[in-house]
Amino acid sequence: LSDLDMLNEILVKQFDNFQSRIPFPLQRTDEGPKTHIIEASGAKWKRLRSLGTFGFTNKAMKQMRETVEESSLLVVKHLEANMDKGEVNMLEYFQEYTMDIICKVALGKKDVEMFNNKYLQICKDVFTSPINYYLNIIPSAFPIIQKPLFYFIEFAGTHLRIPFIELITDLEKSVAERKKQREAGQESNSADFIDLFLDAEIDGDENGDATGSRRLVFDEVVSQCTMMLLAGFETTSNSLSYLSHFLANYPNVQEKMREEIDRECPGESVEYESLVNLKYTEAVIRESLRHYPLASFVVNRECVKATEVCGRQMEKGDMIMTDTWSLHMDKKIWGEDADEFRPERWLEDSSRPRVAFQSFGEGPRMCIGMRLAYMEEKILLAHLMKNFVIKSTNNTNPLRLVGDITVAPEKVMVRLERRL
């Protein structure tokens, strides 16, 4: 679906009639404590969304800024050590960067080491393993086996040494240890989702509601941290990769962005308060996302109550998928230069509807981690622009896209020059 009026009705105005996402082929049929926010629907989703916002307040972002900046500086250090080789694959560095941050803020792993992170390949396999294709196709073609296959995989994951299940086990240990520390009266100095979600649980108890509607139980904390891990790794690293490809091909855009960063972030650190002033930098990020929308498959809805949308009758169970790629390239929406990479369009006065841009979705179910993603990208871009000039090489173009769950560049080859 790419009709703006219908999208606005479905995603925003009639959200209560389309509050659920289309179920994944292998998804829990019951909504227990292990259900994460992307799968959840109805009252379960509302509760998780409400509690999940504790992880993305201004206070939370400020607490995580230092971790993000430390990871950014590590990327700069590794690039400086390898830039004289002639070419670097920026995708590799961005994957290391996002994994480093996510391990620290979602898994509570402060001792991970960039370019020696055992969790990186585990998460990459989640998105690139060929088995994913069959796990999506087979249950869709034979619905009768969906439930047995789900429980078989869950059983196998519990009893076999499957890397991703071991990752979840590590996370469970981290959450359990953090809860024990709190019960013993020990304060944690960690600025991560584990503490933030546990704070949400405590806040619920202080409000006197012990029914579960305002607190997260153990399995829910683990499940939400796991989803932050998966949702925050591939999407942000891909976004940065596409963006670096554009910067290599559009030196004028790169220079304009660098001038803004020099003006708004003159010190060695990139302060949280300065991020809102990086308006052109954000326009560059948005324009890159317009050309290469991320995880567009999750911008979908299932009708939960029969209704009429723009004169069309929708029945319960009808499924709607947003045609994000067509929407983002529609010349009726973006102008005759829709095919061009022109960040300035985001700074111009426009009557363009919000639903025209779907990289983070729209309405009450739009991406809860958008603010963290923007912060990660802006801080790293600021440090890259302070230290390097990104140049294209004979291997920069064309960009080859690969992937199943998400569409990613196979690699992004550029040359870096030290900034004078």
Protein backbone atom coordinates (compact mmCIF):
# COMPACT_ATOMS: atom_id res chain seq x y z
CA LEU A 1 0.00 0.00 0.00
CA SER A 2 1.39 3.42 -0.97
CA ASP A 3 -1.73 5.63 -0.84
CA LEU A 4 -0.97 8.41 1.65
CA ASP A 5 -4.55 8.95 2.81
CA MET A 6 -5.10 5.25 3.46
CA LEU A 7 -1.76 4.94 5.25
CA ASN A 8 -2.60 7.86 7.50
CA GLU A 9 -5.96 6.29 8.34
CA ILE A 10 -4.45 2.86 9.06
CA LEU A 11 -1.26 3.88 10.89
CA VAL A 12 -2.53 6.95 12.74
CA LYS A 13 -6.22 7.88 12.74
CA GLN A 14 -7.69 4.36 12.97
CA PHE A 15 -4.80 2.83 14.89
CA ASP A 16 -7.14 1.03 17.29
CA ASN A 17 -8.54 -0.93 14.34
CA PHE A 18 -5.05 -1.77 13.01
CA GLN A 19 -2.95 -1.99 16.15
CA SER A 20 -1.44 -5.41 15.44
CA ARG A 21 1.43 -6.27 13.13
CA ILE A 22 1.23 -9.19 10.73
CA PRO A 23 2.45 -12.23 12.71
CA PHE A 24 5.81 -13.71 11.78
CA PRO A 25 5.66 -17.25 10.33
CA LEU A 26 7.27 -18.54 13.52
CA GLN A 27 5.80 -16.54 16.37
CA ARG A 28 4.37 -17.38 19.76
CA THR A 29 0.63 -17.92 19.58
CA ASP A 30 0.28 -16.96 23.24
CA GLU A 31 1.39 -13.56 24.53
CA GLY A 32 3.34 -14.55 27.62
CA PRO A 33 6.24 -12.80 29.37
CA LYS A 34 8.68 -13.75 26.57
CA THR A 35 6.66 -11.87 23.94
CA HIS A 36 8.63 -8.84 22.74
CA ILE A 37 7.26 -5.47 21.70
CA ILE A 38 7.37 -6.10 17.93
CA GLU A 39 5.28 -9.29 18.25
CA ALA A 40 2.88 -8.00 20.88
CA SER A 41 -0.61 -6.68 20.19
CA GLY A 42 -3.52 -5.17 22.07
CA ALA A 43 -3.18 -4.57 25.80
CA LYS A 44 0.12 -6.48 25.90
CA TRP A 45 1.66 -4.13 23.34
CA LYS A 46 0.33 -1.01 25.06
CA ARG A 47 1.87 -2.13 28.34
CA LEU A 48 5.26 -2.99 26.82
CA ARG A 49 5.30 0.24 24.82
CA SER A 50 4.47 2.31 27.88
CA LEU A 51 7.18 0.66 29.96
CA GLY A 52 9.62 0.60 27.04
CA THR A 53 9.60 4.38 26.80
CA PHE A 54 11.60 4.46 30.05
CA GLY A 55 14.59 3.41 27.95
CA PHE A 56 14.34 6.34 25.54
CA THR A 57 13.66 9.44 27.62
CA ASN A 58 15.97 12.46 27.52
CA LYS A 59 17.46 11.29 30.80
CA ALA A 60 18.13 7.82 29.40
CA MET A 61 19.69 9.20 26.22
CA LYS A 62 21.99 11.46 28.22
CA GLN A 63 23.06 8.51 30.35
CA MET A 64 23.90 6.44 27.26
CA ARG A 65 25.64 9.26 25.38
CA GLU A 66 29.00 8.60 27.03
CA THR A 67 28.90 4.92 26.03
CA VAL A 68 28.02 5.86 22.45
CA GLU A 69 30.84 8.39 22.27
CA GLU A 70 33.40 5.94 23.68
CA SER A 71 32.45 3.47 20.95
CA SER A 72 32.67 6.23 18.33
CA LEU A 73 36.21 7.09 19.39
CA LEU A 74 37.18 3.41 19.20
CA VAL A 75 35.95 3.31 15.59
CA VAL A 76 38.09 6.36 14.78
CA LYS A 77 41.09 4.68 16.41
CA HIS A 78 40.65 1.49 14.37
CA LEU A 79 40.14 3.44 11.14
CA GLU A 80 43.30 5.43 11.77
CA ALA A 81 45.21 2.18 12.21
CA ASN A 82 43.97 0.76 8.89
CA MET A 83 43.38 3.72 6.59
CA ASP A 84 46.85 3.60 5.04
CA LYS A 85 46.02 0.22 3.48
CA GLY A 86 44.33 2.12 0.65
CA GLU A 87 40.71 1.07 1.08
CA VAL A 88 38.50 0.22 4.02
CA ASN A 89 35.15 -1.54 4.13
CA MET A 90 33.04 0.83 6.21
CA LEU A 91 30.34 -1.78 6.74
CA GLU A 92 32.69 -3.83 8.93
CA TYR A 93 33.47 -0.86 11.16
CA PHE A 94 29.85 0.17 11.50
CA GLN A 95 28.84 -3.37 12.45
CA GLU A 96 31.55 -3.41 15.12
CA TYR A 97 30.36 0.00 16.32
CA THR A 98 26.69 -0.85 16.70
CA MET A 99 27.46 -4.24 18.22
CA ASP A 100 29.80 -2.63 20.74
CA ILE A 101 27.10 -0.17 21.80
CA ILE A 102 24.29 -2.71 21.90
CA CYS A 103 26.34 -5.17 23.96
CA LYS A 104 26.97 -2.44 26.51
CA VAL A 105 23.51 -0.86 26.65
CA ALA A 106 21.28 -3.91 25.97
CA LEU A 107 23.29 -6.88 27.27
CA GLY A 108 25.11 -5.17 30.12
CA LYS A 109 28.45 -6.38 28.75
CA LYS A 110 30.94 -3.63 29.56
CA ASP A 111 34.01 -5.78 28.85
CA VAL A 112 33.38 -6.48 25.15
CA GLU A 113 36.22 -5.61 22.79
CA MET A 114 35.74 -4.16 19.33
CA PHE A 115 37.02 -6.48 16.56
CA ASN A 116 37.11 -9.28 19.11
CA ASN A 117 33.42 -9.43 19.99
CA LYS A 118 32.07 -12.97 20.14
CA TYR A 119 28.50 -11.71 19.87
CA LEU A 120 28.97 -10.04 16.49
CA GLN A 121 28.95 -13.16 14.32
CA ILE A 122 26.03 -14.56 16.31
CA CYS A 123 23.90 -11.53 15.47
CA LYS A 124 25.09 -11.41 11.86
CA ASP A 125 23.97 -15.03 11.44
CA VAL A 126 20.48 -14.11 12.64
CA PHE A 127 20.13 -11.85 9.60
CA THR A 128 22.21 -13.68 6.98
CA SER A 129 21.92 -17.42 7.67
CA PRO A 130 20.31 -19.26 4.70
CA ILE A 131 18.11 -21.20 7.12
CA ASN A 132 16.12 -18.01 7.77
CA TYR A 133 14.66 -18.22 4.27
CA TYR A 134 13.28 -21.70 4.87
CA LEU A 135 12.05 -20.85 8.37
CA ASN A 136 9.96 -18.09 6.80
CA ILE A 137 8.77 -19.91 3.68
CA ILE A 138 7.95 -23.39 5.03
CA PRO A 139 5.63 -22.32 7.90
CA SER A 140 3.87 -19.88 5.56
CA ALA A 141 3.29 -22.59 2.96
CA PHE A 142 2.23 -25.20 5.55
CA PRO A 143 0.51 -23.37 8.44
CA ILE A 144 -0.34 -26.65 10.16
CA ILE A 145 3.31 -27.16 11.12
CA GLN A 146 3.89 -23.63 12.48
CA LYS A 147 3.20 -24.43 16.12
CA PRO A 148 5.05 -27.81 16.23
CA LEU A 149 8.04 -26.29 14.42
CA PHE A 150 8.16 -23.35 16.83
CA TYR A 151 8.21 -25.61 19.89
CA PHE A 152 10.77 -27.92 18.29
CA ILE A 153 13.11 -24.97 17.68
CA GLU A 154 12.52 -23.72 21.23
CA PHE A 155 13.24 -27.21 22.62
CA ALA A 156 16.37 -27.58 20.49
CA GLY A 157 17.57 -24.15 21.56
CA THR A 158 17.18 -25.12 25.21
CA HIS A 159 19.02 -28.44 24.95
CA LEU A 160 21.62 -27.83 22.24
CA ARG A 161 24.55 -25.41 22.16
CA ILE A 162 23.07 -22.89 19.74
CA PRO A 163 25.07 -19.61 19.79
CA PHE A 164 22.09 -17.26 19.83
CA ILE A 165 20.43 -19.19 22.66
CA GLU A 166 23.70 -18.98 24.59
CA LEU A 167 23.61 -15.22 24.04
CA ILE A 168 20.12 -15.12 25.58
CA THR A 169 21.38 -17.22 28.49
CA ASP A 170 24.19 -14.72 29.06
CA LEU A 171 21.64 -11.92 29.05
CA GLU A 172 19.46 -13.77 31.56
CA LYS A 173 22.48 -14.09 33.85
CA SER A 174 23.18 -10.37 33.53
CA VAL A 175 19.60 -9.45 34.40
CA ALA A 176 19.53 -11.88 37.33
CA GLU A 177 22.83 -10.52 38.67
CA ARG A 178 21.61 -6.93 38.39
CA LYS A 179 18.41 -7.81 40.28
CA LYS A 180 20.46 -9.46 43.04
CA GLN A 181 22.61 -6.34 43.33
CA ARG A 182 19.50 -4.23 43.75
CA GLU A 183 18.00 -6.58 46.33
CA ALA A 184 21.29 -6.32 48.27
CA GLY A 185 21.08 -2.54 48.18
CA GLN A 186 24.03 -2.15 45.80
CA GLU A 187 23.73 0.73 43.37
CA SER A 188 24.61 0.13 39.72
CA ASN A 189 26.60 2.66 37.72
CA SER A 190 25.56 1.04 34.46
CA ALA A 191 23.63 3.23 32.04
CA ASP A 192 21.90 0.49 30.07
CA PHE A 193 18.52 -0.97 29.20
CA ILE A 194 18.69 -3.55 31.97
CA ASP A 195 18.73 -0.85 34.64
CA LEU A 196 16.25 1.32 32.77
CA PHE A 197 13.75 -1.52 32.40
CA LEU A 198 14.26 -2.60 36.01
CA ASP A 199 13.64 1.01 37.03
CA ALA A 200 10.37 0.83 35.13
CA GLU A 201 9.49 -2.24 37.18
CA ILE A 202 10.32 -0.48 40.45
CA ASP A 203 8.38 2.60 39.38
CA GLY A 204 5.34 0.40 38.82
CA ASP A 205 5.59 -1.05 42.32
CA GLU A 206 5.93 2.40 43.84
CA ASN A 207 2.72 3.40 42.11
CA GLY A 208 1.03 0.64 44.05
CA ASP A 209 0.06 -1.48 41.06
CA ALA A 210 1.32 -5.01 41.57
CA THR A 211 -0.96 -6.55 38.96
CA GLY A 212 1.73 -6.47 36.27
CA SER A 213 0.19 -3.68 34.23
CA ARG A 214 2.91 -1.23 35.29
CA ARG A 215 5.94 -3.42 35.81
CA LEU A 216 8.19 -5.72 33.84
CA VAL A 217 8.85 -9.22 35.14
CA PHE A 218 12.19 -10.98 34.65
CA ASP A 219 11.39 -12.67 31.32
CA GLU A 220 10.00 -9.42 29.95
CA VAL A 221 13.19 -7.52 30.77
CA VAL A 222 15.20 -10.22 28.99
CA SER A 223 12.85 -10.27 26.00
CA GLN A 224 12.84 -6.49 25.54
CA CYS A 225 16.65 -6.28 25.84
CA THR A 226 16.93 -9.05 23.24
CA MET A 227 14.70 -7.14 20.84
CA MET A 228 16.76 -3.96 21.36
CA LEU A 229 19.82 -6.02 20.49
CA LEU A 230 18.41 -7.35 17.23
CA ALA A 231 16.55 -4.21 16.16
CA GLY A 232 19.46 -1.92 16.97
CA PHE A 233 22.33 -3.84 15.41
CA GLU A 234 21.60 -4.41 11.73
CA THR A 235 19.47 -1.33 11.08
CA THR A 236 21.89 1.31 12.37
CA SER A 237 24.99 -0.30 10.88
CA ASN A 238 23.26 -0.51 7.49
CA SER A 239 22.07 3.08 7.72
CA LEU A 240 25.60 4.32 8.43
CA SER A 241 26.96 2.17 5.59
CA TYR A 242 24.55 3.59 3.02
CA LEU A 243 25.25 7.07 4.31
CA SER A 244 29.04 6.70 4.00
CA HIS A 245 28.51 5.53 0.42
CA PHE A 246 26.57 8.71 -0.34
CA LEU A 247 29.19 10.89 1.35
CA ALA A 248 31.94 9.32 -0.77
CA ASN A 249 29.94 10.11 -3.91
CA TYR A 250 28.76 13.58 -2.87
CA PRO A 251 31.77 15.52 -1.54
CA ASN A 252 29.78 18.77 -1.51
CA VAL A 253 27.26 17.23 0.90
CA GLN A 254 30.09 15.87 3.02
CA GLU A 255 31.77 19.28 3.23
CA LYS A 256 28.53 21.04 4.14
CA MET A 257 27.91 18.51 6.89
CA ARG A 258 31.47 18.93 8.17
CA GLU A 259 31.05 22.70 8.35
CA GLU A 260 27.91 22.29 10.45
CA ILE A 261 29.64 19.84 12.80
CA ASP A 262 32.64 22.16 13.23
CA ARG A 263 30.28 25.00 14.08
CA GLU A 264 27.94 23.16 16.44
CA CYS A 265 30.40 20.69 18.01
CA PRO A 266 33.69 22.61 18.35
CA GLY A 267 35.03 20.65 21.31
CA GLU A 268 36.56 17.18 21.50
CA SER A 269 33.31 15.70 22.80
CA VAL A 270 29.93 15.77 21.12
CA GLU A 271 27.54 16.96 23.80
CA TYR A 272 23.97 15.68 23.89
CA GLU A 273 22.55 19.20 23.80
CA SER A 274 24.37 19.96 20.53
CA LEU A 275 22.80 17.05 18.64
CA VAL A 276 19.51 18.87 18.10
CA ASN A 277 21.42 21.63 16.28
CA LEU A 278 22.84 19.22 13.68
CA LYS A 279 19.91 19.85 11.38
CA TYR A 280 21.74 19.37 8.08
CA THR A 281 23.39 16.20 9.40
CA GLU A 282 19.96 14.84 10.29
CA ALA A 283 18.72 15.82 6.83
CA VAL A 284 21.58 13.78 5.32
CA ILE A 285 20.62 10.79 7.48
CA ARG A 286 16.96 11.08 6.49
CA GLU A 287 17.75 11.44 2.80
CA SER A 288 19.93 8.33 2.94
CA LEU A 289 17.11 6.45 4.69
CA ARG A 290 14.67 7.65 2.05
CA HIS A 291 16.79 6.03 -0.65
CA TYR A 292 17.48 2.89 1.40
CA PRO A 293 14.67 2.31 3.93
CA LEU A 294 15.53 -0.18 6.64
CA ALA A 295 13.47 -3.19 7.76
CA SER A 296 10.56 -2.01 5.62
CA PHE A 297 8.93 -5.43 6.05
CA VAL A 298 7.87 -4.56 9.63
CA VAL A 299 5.83 -1.53 8.52
CA ASN A 300 2.66 -3.58 8.25
CA ARG A 301 -0.63 -3.94 10.07
CA GLU A 302 -3.36 -6.51 10.61
CA CYS A 303 -6.95 -5.35 10.81
CA VAL A 304 -8.39 -6.34 14.21
CA LYS A 305 -11.85 -4.84 13.71
CA ALA A 306 -13.91 -4.41 10.53
CA THR A 307 -13.93 -0.81 9.37
CA GLU A 308 -14.01 1.44 6.33
CA VAL A 309 -10.82 3.15 5.15
CA CYS A 310 -11.16 5.88 2.54
CA GLY A 311 -14.29 4.26 1.14
CA ARG A 312 -12.84 0.76 1.14
CA GLN A 313 -14.21 -1.94 3.43
CA MET A 314 -11.56 -3.69 5.54
CA GLU A 315 -12.39 -6.92 7.35
CA LYS A 316 -10.90 -8.39 10.49
CA GLY A 317 -7.80 -10.37 9.53
CA ASP A 318 -6.98 -8.28 6.44
CA MET A 319 -3.25 -7.65 6.21
CA ILE A 320 -1.67 -4.44 4.96
CA MET A 321 1.97 -4.01 3.94
CA THR A 322 3.43 -0.56 3.30
CA ASP A 323 5.17 -0.27 -0.08
CA THR A 324 7.95 1.82 1.41
CA TRP A 325 10.35 1.72 -1.54
CA SER A 326 7.74 3.02 -4.00
CA LEU A 327 6.52 5.58 -1.48
CA HIS A 328 10.02 6.97 -0.95
CA MET A 329 10.65 7.40 -4.67
CA ASP A 330 7.25 8.80 -5.67
CA LYS A 331 7.78 12.00 -7.69
CA LYS A 332 4.28 13.17 -6.81
CA ILE A 333 5.41 13.32 -3.19
CA TRP A 334 9.10 14.23 -3.42
CA GLY A 335 9.22 16.20 -6.66
CA GLU A 336 10.77 15.54 -10.05
CA ASP A 337 14.18 15.15 -8.40
CA ALA A 338 12.97 12.26 -6.21
CA ASP A 339 15.66 9.97 -7.66
CA GLU A 340 18.41 12.38 -6.63
CA PHE A 341 20.27 12.46 -3.32
CA ARG A 342 19.46 15.97 -2.08
CA PRO A 343 19.38 16.42 1.72
CA GLU A 344 18.24 20.03 1.37
CA ARG A 345 14.70 18.81 0.62
CA TRP A 346 14.33 18.05 4.34
CA LEU A 347 15.11 21.65 5.30
CA GLU A 348 12.67 23.23 2.89
CA ASP A 349 9.10 24.17 3.77
CA SER A 350 6.90 21.34 2.65
CA SER A 351 3.33 20.21 3.00
CA ARG A 352 4.50 16.62 2.60
CA PRO A 353 2.57 14.32 4.98
CA ARG A 354 4.53 12.59 7.77
CA VAL A 355 3.42 9.18 6.50
CA ALA A 356 5.38 9.77 3.28
CA PHE A 357 8.57 8.81 5.17
CA GLN A 358 8.37 5.28 6.54
CA SER A 359 11.92 4.34 7.58
CA PHE A 360 10.80 4.35 11.23
CA GLY A 361 7.13 3.73 10.56
CA GLU A 362 4.46 6.17 11.73
CA GLY A 363 1.79 6.44 14.37
CA PRO A 364 1.77 4.90 17.87
CA ARG A 365 3.80 1.86 16.70
CA MET A 366 6.59 3.79 15.05
CA CYS A 367 10.11 2.66 15.99
CA ILE A 368 10.65 3.12 19.72
CA GLY A 369 14.44 3.24 19.27
CA MET A 370 14.53 6.08 16.73
CA ARG A 371 16.08 8.59 19.13
CA LEU A 372 18.90 6.21 20.06
CA ALA A 373 19.56 5.46 16.38
CA TYR A 374 19.82 9.16 15.53
CA MET A 375 22.13 9.75 18.50
CA GLU A 376 24.43 6.88 17.50
CA GLU A 377 24.63 8.10 13.92
CA LYS A 378 25.13 11.79 14.71
CA ILE A 379 27.86 11.22 17.28
CA LEU A 380 29.83 8.85 15.07
CA LEU A 381 29.40 11.05 11.99
CA ALA A 382 30.63 14.04 13.99
CA HIS A 383 33.82 12.24 14.96
CA LEU A 384 34.34 10.89 11.44
CA MET A 385 33.98 14.36 9.94
CA LYS A 386 36.34 15.82 12.55
CA ASN A 387 39.06 13.35 11.60
CA PHE A 388 38.61 12.17 8.01
CA VAL A 389 37.57 12.99 4.49
CA ILE A 390 35.72 10.10 2.84
CA LYS A 391 36.71 9.52 -0.79
CA SER A 392 35.35 7.17 -3.44
CA THR A 393 37.50 4.54 -5.16
CA ASN A 394 37.10 2.31 -8.20
CA ASN A 395 35.41 -0.20 -5.90
CA THR A 396 32.90 2.17 -4.29
CA ASN A 397 30.32 1.83 -7.06
CA PRO A 398 28.04 0.13 -7.78
CA LEU A 399 26.59 -0.84 -4.43
CA ARG A 400 25.54 -4.51 -4.30
CA LEU A 401 22.61 -5.27 -2.00
CA VAL A 402 22.17 -8.57 -0.17
CA GLY A 403 20.05 -9.94 2.64
CA ASP A 404 16.79 -11.56 3.61
CA ILE A 405 15.34 -10.05 6.78
CA THR A 406 16.90 -6.68 5.98
CA VAL A 407 18.45 -5.33 2.78
CA ALA A 408 22.10 -4.53 3.37
CA PRO A 409 25.08 -3.49 1.25
CA GLU A 410 27.46 -6.37 0.69
CA LYS A 411 30.33 -3.97 1.40
CA VAL A 412 31.10 -0.26 1.21
CA MET A 413 34.64 0.36 -0.01
CA VAL A 414 36.03 3.87 0.41
CA ARG A 415 39.34 5.63 0.93
CA LEU A 416 39.97 7.80 3.97
CA GLU A 417 42.21 10.83 4.07
CA ARG A 418 43.29 12.51 7.27
CA ARG A 419 41.66 15.85 7.65
CA LEU A 420 44.12 18.73 7.43
